[in-house]
Amino acid sequence: MINIGMPSQSNTPSHDVADAPIGVFDSGIGGLTVVEALRRVLPLERILYIGDTARVPYGGKSAETVIRYSREISEHLIGEGAKLIVVACNTASALAVSILAPMIDVPLIGVLEPGASAAVKATKNKRIGVIGTKATIGSFAYEKAIRTLDSEITVSSAACPLLVPLIEEGLYEDDVTSVILRRYLEPMLANGIDTLVLGCTHYPLLKRTIQLICGPGVTLVDSAENCALAVRELLASQTHHRDIPRSIHLDTPRLDIVLTDSSEGFLRVAEKSLDLTIDSLSFRQIGK
C-alpha cells in the first residue's frame, strides 16, 4: 500500500544514532527489492531511499560516471543523517563501493559481496552462474569475489540487458520475458550450474519465472535478501539498530522515498509487487 505524503524536508541528524535512518539508493526501482528485504529483517528501522530515476539505468554507463553518481547520492544521504548507506545496485556495488567506502563517514554496504558469499555457501558442485547488467558482468566483480572465497569454483556469467526494461514495464510473467530468460539461461544450465546469482536487484521480481526455467536443482541467490542480512549483522555489531523505538514521533518505522524524476513504473512495482507502504514521496535534483 502506498501513502503519498508531502515532499520530505531535509532530516536533522538524530542525536541517537540508532534512530537515524538507513540510507538506500539505486538507479531506479530495482533497489526496492532491497528495501522490502530490509523491512522484513529490520522491521523497526527508518529507511530513506533514493531512486535516481533521472539517470537510470547505470548498467550501460562508464565506471567514472557510475562512481560520480554514487558519490553524489551518498553525500546527499549523509547530509540527511543516514547512519549507514546501502548501495542497492549491483553495477554501483561492483564499480563504486571499494572506491567510496574509505571516503565517507558512515559504513557503506553493497549487494555484491553478500551475494557472492551466499553463492559459495550454496553450491555443491562448484559451478555457479551469474546474471546481471552489462556493466556488472563486464567488471568481473562477482567472479573475483566468488573465486577469492573458493578458487576451485567455476563461474558462468551472462549479461542480460533486456531484463530491466521488461521488469520496469511490469512484464514479470509474460511469455516474451520467459523466452528471453531462456535464451540467457540455457548456456549456463548446459554447463551444469547448481547455483544462480541474481546479480541485479531488479531480478528478484522474476524469481518465480527464473526458478521454473532453471528447475528445482538450481538454487537462486537473491542479492537483495543477503544484503539485508549483512546490514542487520553490521548494525547489531555496532548496536546501531532500533530494537526499541526511542522517540514518540518515531514509534512507527518510516519509509521515505526521494526520486530524481517522476516514475509511474516505480509506484506500480512498489504497490503491486512488493507491498511497500511509502510514508512520503518527493522529487529532488541530485548532482548535475
Protein backbone atom coordinates (compact mmCIF):
# COMPACT_ATOMS: atom_id res chain seq x y z
CA MET A 1 0.00 0.00 0.00
CA ILE A 2 1.28 3.49 -0.85
CA ASN A 3 0.65 6.60 1.17
CA ILE A 4 1.89 9.63 -0.77
CA GLY A 5 2.78 12.34 1.71
CA MET A 6 4.14 15.83 1.31
CA PRO A 7 7.69 16.09 -0.11
CA SER A 8 10.06 15.40 2.76
CA GLN A 9 12.27 18.15 4.05
CA SER A 10 15.92 17.68 4.92
CA ASN A 11 16.10 15.49 8.01
CA THR A 12 18.03 16.74 11.01
CA PRO A 13 20.53 14.04 12.02
CA SER A 14 19.33 12.25 15.14
CA HIS A 15 21.28 12.67 18.37
CA ASP A 16 20.76 8.94 18.84
CA VAL A 17 22.50 7.03 16.05
CA ALA A 18 20.08 4.10 16.46
CA ASP A 19 17.17 6.36 15.47
CA ALA A 20 18.93 7.65 12.34
CA PRO A 21 17.70 6.25 9.02
CA ILE A 22 19.34 3.64 6.85
CA GLY A 23 20.13 5.25 3.50
CA VAL A 24 19.49 3.12 0.40
CA PHE A 25 19.99 4.05 -3.23
CA ASP A 26 19.70 2.60 -6.70
CA SER A 27 19.39 3.93 -10.22
CA GLY A 28 15.67 3.20 -10.32
CA ILE A 29 13.12 0.77 -8.91
CA GLY A 30 15.37 -2.28 -8.50
CA GLY A 31 16.57 -1.23 -5.06
CA LEU A 32 13.01 -1.56 -3.78
CA THR A 33 13.67 -5.30 -3.51
CA VAL A 34 16.43 -4.46 -1.00
CA VAL A 35 14.06 -2.13 0.85
CA GLU A 36 11.47 -4.90 1.03
CA ALA A 37 14.10 -7.31 2.40
CA LEU A 38 15.28 -4.72 4.94
CA ARG A 39 11.68 -4.25 6.04
CA ARG A 40 11.41 -7.98 6.75
CA VAL A 41 14.67 -8.42 8.67
CA LEU A 42 14.78 -4.97 10.33
CA PRO A 43 11.11 -4.01 10.79
CA LEU A 44 11.75 -1.12 13.20
CA GLU A 45 14.29 0.76 11.10
CA ARG A 46 13.67 4.06 9.35
CA ILE A 47 14.65 3.91 5.67
CA LEU A 48 15.43 6.76 3.30
CA TYR A 49 15.52 5.55 -0.30
CA ILE A 50 16.83 7.48 -3.28
CA GLY A 51 15.90 6.23 -6.73
CA ASP A 52 17.99 8.01 -9.37
CA THR A 53 15.20 7.76 -11.92
CA ALA A 54 16.50 10.76 -13.90
CA ARG A 55 19.72 8.89 -14.74
CA VAL A 56 18.55 5.27 -14.90
CA PRO A 57 19.97 2.83 -15.93
CA TYR A 58 23.51 2.69 -14.55
CA GLY A 59 24.26 -0.62 -16.28
CA GLY A 60 25.34 0.87 -19.60
CA LYS A 61 27.33 3.82 -18.24
CA SER A 62 31.09 4.18 -17.75
CA ALA A 63 32.76 3.35 -14.44
CA GLU A 64 33.69 7.01 -13.94
CA THR A 65 30.06 8.09 -14.36
CA VAL A 66 28.70 5.41 -12.02
CA ILE A 67 31.26 6.38 -9.36
CA ARG A 68 30.32 10.07 -9.68
CA TYR A 69 26.61 9.36 -9.40
CA SER A 70 27.19 7.10 -6.40
CA ARG A 71 29.32 9.71 -4.64
CA GLU A 72 26.72 12.44 -5.19
CA ILE A 73 23.91 10.32 -3.79
CA SER A 74 25.99 9.04 -0.86
CA GLU A 75 26.86 12.61 0.12
CA HIS A 76 23.18 13.55 -0.08
CA LEU A 77 22.20 10.64 2.19
CA ILE A 78 24.88 11.57 4.71
CA GLY A 79 23.53 15.12 4.66
CA GLU A 80 20.13 13.65 5.52
CA GLY A 81 21.62 11.95 8.60
CA ALA A 82 21.94 8.36 7.35
CA LYS A 83 23.80 6.10 9.79
CA LEU A 84 24.65 3.57 7.08
CA ILE A 85 24.37 3.51 3.29
CA VAL A 86 23.24 0.51 1.28
CA VAL A 87 24.24 0.56 -2.38
CA ALA A 88 21.22 -1.34 -3.70
CA CYS A 89 22.62 -1.55 -7.21
CA ASN A 90 24.90 -4.30 -8.43
CA THR A 91 26.54 -2.04 -11.01
CA ALA A 92 27.39 0.61 -8.43
CA SER A 93 28.41 -2.10 -5.95
CA ALA A 94 30.81 -3.55 -8.49
CA LEU A 95 32.31 -0.24 -9.62
CA ALA A 96 31.98 2.27 -6.78
CA VAL A 97 31.83 0.70 -3.31
CA SER A 98 35.54 -0.07 -2.92
CA ILE A 99 36.43 3.47 -4.02
CA LEU A 100 33.81 5.33 -1.98
CA ALA A 101 33.96 3.33 1.26
CA PRO A 102 37.23 4.91 2.51
CA MET A 103 35.99 8.39 1.56
CA ILE A 104 32.76 8.64 3.55
CA ASP A 105 31.99 8.86 7.26
CA VAL A 106 29.43 6.06 7.61
CA PRO A 107 29.54 2.33 6.74
CA LEU A 108 28.86 1.54 3.09
CA ILE A 109 27.46 -1.86 2.10
CA GLY A 110 26.89 -3.11 -1.43
CA VAL A 111 24.88 -6.09 -2.63
CA LEU A 112 27.76 -7.85 -4.37
CA GLU A 113 29.85 -9.29 -1.52
CA PRO A 114 26.89 -10.74 0.43
CA GLY A 115 25.56 -12.32 -2.76
CA ALA A 116 28.93 -13.86 -3.66
CA SER A 117 29.34 -15.27 -0.15
CA ALA A 118 25.86 -16.80 -0.17
CA ALA A 119 26.50 -18.41 -3.57
CA VAL A 120 29.74 -20.03 -2.39
CA LYS A 121 27.92 -21.47 0.62
CA ALA A 122 25.04 -22.74 -1.53
CA THR A 123 26.88 -24.53 -4.35
CA LYS A 124 27.51 -28.24 -4.06
CA ASN A 125 29.16 -28.93 -7.42
CA LYS A 126 31.21 -25.70 -7.50
CA ARG A 127 29.50 -24.42 -10.65
CA ILE A 128 27.86 -21.03 -10.21
CA GLY A 129 26.02 -18.87 -12.71
CA VAL A 130 25.71 -15.08 -12.50
CA ILE A 131 23.28 -12.87 -14.43
CA GLY A 132 23.43 -9.07 -14.37
CA THR A 133 23.73 -5.89 -16.40
CA LYS A 134 26.47 -5.40 -18.97
CA ALA A 135 28.46 -3.22 -16.56
CA THR A 136 28.23 -5.68 -13.67
CA ILE A 137 29.17 -8.69 -15.79
CA GLY A 138 31.86 -6.73 -17.64
CA SER A 139 33.51 -5.78 -14.35
CA PHE A 140 34.04 -9.48 -13.46
CA ALA A 141 33.33 -8.40 -9.89
CA TYR A 142 31.24 -11.44 -8.99
CA GLU A 143 33.78 -13.84 -10.48
CA LYS A 144 36.58 -12.19 -8.49
CA ALA A 145 34.59 -12.18 -5.26
CA ILE A 146 33.49 -15.80 -5.65
CA ARG A 147 36.92 -17.11 -6.61
CA THR A 148 38.55 -15.20 -3.78
CA LEU A 149 36.38 -17.25 -1.43
CA ASP A 150 36.92 -20.54 -3.31
CA SER A 151 39.38 -20.70 -6.20
CA GLU A 152 38.04 -24.10 -7.32
CA ILE A 153 34.63 -22.74 -8.31
CA THR A 154 33.76 -22.31 -11.99
CA VAL A 155 31.69 -19.20 -12.72
CA SER A 156 29.50 -18.79 -15.81
CA SER A 157 28.21 -15.26 -16.42
CA ALA A 158 25.68 -13.69 -18.75
CA ALA A 159 24.83 -10.05 -19.34
CA CYS A 160 21.05 -9.66 -19.62
CA PRO A 161 20.39 -6.14 -20.92
CA LEU A 162 16.76 -6.77 -21.91
CA LEU A 163 15.53 -7.82 -18.46
CA VAL A 164 15.49 -4.46 -16.67
CA PRO A 165 13.27 -2.77 -19.30
CA LEU A 166 10.86 -5.72 -19.17
CA ILE A 167 10.71 -5.53 -15.37
CA GLU A 168 10.21 -1.76 -15.45
CA GLU A 169 7.19 -2.44 -17.70
CA GLY A 170 5.82 -4.94 -15.16
CA LEU A 171 6.16 -7.93 -17.53
CA TYR A 172 7.28 -10.37 -14.81
CA GLU A 173 5.48 -13.48 -16.07
CA ASP A 174 4.93 -12.50 -19.69
CA ASP A 175 5.74 -15.02 -22.44
CA VAL A 176 8.22 -12.57 -24.00
CA THR A 177 10.14 -12.39 -20.74
CA SER A 178 10.22 -16.18 -20.47
CA VAL A 179 11.60 -16.55 -23.99
CA ILE A 180 14.36 -14.02 -23.35
CA LEU A 181 15.21 -15.58 -19.98
CA ARG A 182 15.58 -19.00 -21.56
CA ARG A 183 18.00 -17.61 -24.14
CA TYR A 184 20.12 -16.06 -21.39
CA LEU A 185 19.99 -19.03 -19.00
CA GLU A 186 20.25 -22.09 -21.23
CA PRO A 187 24.04 -21.87 -21.85
CA MET A 188 24.69 -21.73 -18.09
CA LEU A 189 22.28 -24.57 -17.42
CA ALA A 190 24.07 -26.59 -20.10
CA ASN A 191 27.29 -26.00 -18.14
CA GLY A 192 25.70 -27.72 -15.15
CA ILE A 193 25.37 -24.84 -12.69
CA ASP A 194 23.61 -25.69 -9.42
CA THR A 195 23.53 -22.10 -8.11
CA LEU A 196 22.48 -18.89 -9.86
CA VAL A 197 23.21 -15.41 -8.54
CA LEU A 198 20.57 -12.83 -9.40
CA GLY A 199 23.16 -10.12 -9.91
CA CYS A 200 20.76 -7.21 -10.32
CA THR A 201 18.30 -6.01 -7.69
CA HIS A 202 15.55 -5.95 -10.32
CA TYR A 203 15.84 -9.69 -10.89
CA PRO A 204 14.17 -10.97 -7.68
CA LEU A 205 10.94 -9.75 -9.26
CA LEU A 206 11.49 -12.50 -11.86
CA LYS A 207 12.41 -15.15 -9.29
CA ARG A 208 9.37 -17.34 -9.89
CA THR A 209 9.88 -17.44 -13.66
CA ILE A 210 13.63 -17.97 -13.33
CA GLN A 211 13.11 -20.86 -10.91
CA LEU A 212 10.65 -22.52 -13.28
CA ILE A 213 13.19 -22.31 -16.12
CA CYS A 214 16.14 -23.48 -14.01
CA GLY A 215 14.27 -26.23 -12.18
CA PRO A 216 14.45 -27.30 -8.53
CA GLY A 217 18.06 -28.43 -8.84
CA VAL A 218 19.35 -24.85 -9.10
CA THR A 219 19.48 -22.64 -6.01
CA LEU A 220 18.73 -18.97 -6.65
CA VAL A 221 20.79 -16.46 -4.67
CA ASP A 222 18.88 -13.24 -4.08
CA SER A 223 21.40 -10.42 -3.66
CA ALA A 224 18.74 -8.21 -2.04
CA GLU A 225 17.95 -10.73 0.68
CA ASN A 226 21.58 -11.41 1.51
CA CYS A 227 22.43 -7.71 1.56
CA ALA A 228 19.65 -7.08 4.10
CA LEU A 229 21.02 -9.84 6.34
CA ALA A 230 24.50 -8.29 6.14
CA VAL A 231 23.07 -4.91 7.16
CA ARG A 232 21.34 -6.47 10.16
CA GLU A 233 24.58 -8.13 11.23
CA LEU A 234 26.56 -4.90 10.92
CA LEU A 235 24.04 -2.80 12.83
CA ALA A 236 23.85 -5.40 15.59
CA SER A 237 27.63 -5.44 15.93
CA GLN A 238 27.66 -1.66 16.32
CA THR A 239 24.49 -1.56 18.48
CA HIS A 240 23.06 0.93 15.97
CA HIS A 241 19.84 -0.98 15.30
CA ARG A 242 16.45 0.17 16.57
CA ASP A 243 15.47 -2.64 18.93
CA ILE A 244 13.07 -0.39 20.89
CA PRO A 245 11.54 2.81 19.47
CA ARG A 246 13.21 5.65 21.36
CA SER A 247 11.14 8.68 20.45
CA ILE A 248 7.37 9.05 20.47
CA HIS A 249 7.35 10.61 16.99
CA LEU A 250 9.49 7.75 15.66
CA ASP A 251 7.38 4.91 17.05
CA THR A 252 6.20 3.95 13.56
CA PRO A 253 9.07 3.00 11.23
CA ARG A 254 9.14 5.22 8.15
CA LEU A 255 9.95 4.68 4.52
CA ASP A 256 10.73 7.98 2.83
CA ILE A 257 11.31 7.94 -0.92
CA VAL A 258 13.20 10.51 -2.97
CA LEU A 259 13.20 10.26 -6.77
CA THR A 260 15.24 12.37 -9.15
CA ASP A 261 12.45 12.23 -11.75
CA SER A 262 8.84 11.05 -11.81
CA SER A 263 8.28 7.35 -12.46
CA GLU A 264 4.95 5.56 -12.89
CA GLY A 265 6.79 2.26 -13.02
CA PHE A 266 8.29 2.91 -9.59
CA LEU A 267 4.89 3.34 -7.99
CA ARG A 268 3.37 0.37 -9.82
CA VAL A 269 6.12 -2.00 -8.69
CA ALA A 270 6.07 -0.74 -5.11
CA GLU A 271 2.33 -1.22 -4.86
CA LYS A 272 1.67 -4.42 -6.81
CA SER A 273 4.82 -6.46 -6.41
CA LEU A 274 6.44 -5.54 -3.10
CA ASP A 275 3.52 -4.36 -0.93
CA LEU A 276 5.53 -1.45 0.45
CA THR A 277 3.95 1.39 2.39
CA ILE A 278 5.60 4.68 1.43
CA ASP A 279 5.26 7.41 4.04
CA SER A 280 6.48 10.24 1.84
CA LEU A 281 7.43 10.63 -1.81
CA SER A 282 9.36 13.65 -3.04
CA PHE A 283 11.39 14.71 -6.07
CA ARG A 284 14.79 16.36 -5.92
CA GLN A 285 17.66 17.10 -8.25
CA ILE A 286 20.88 15.44 -7.15
CA GLY A 287 24.13 16.20 -8.90
CA LYS A 288 24.42 17.85 -12.30
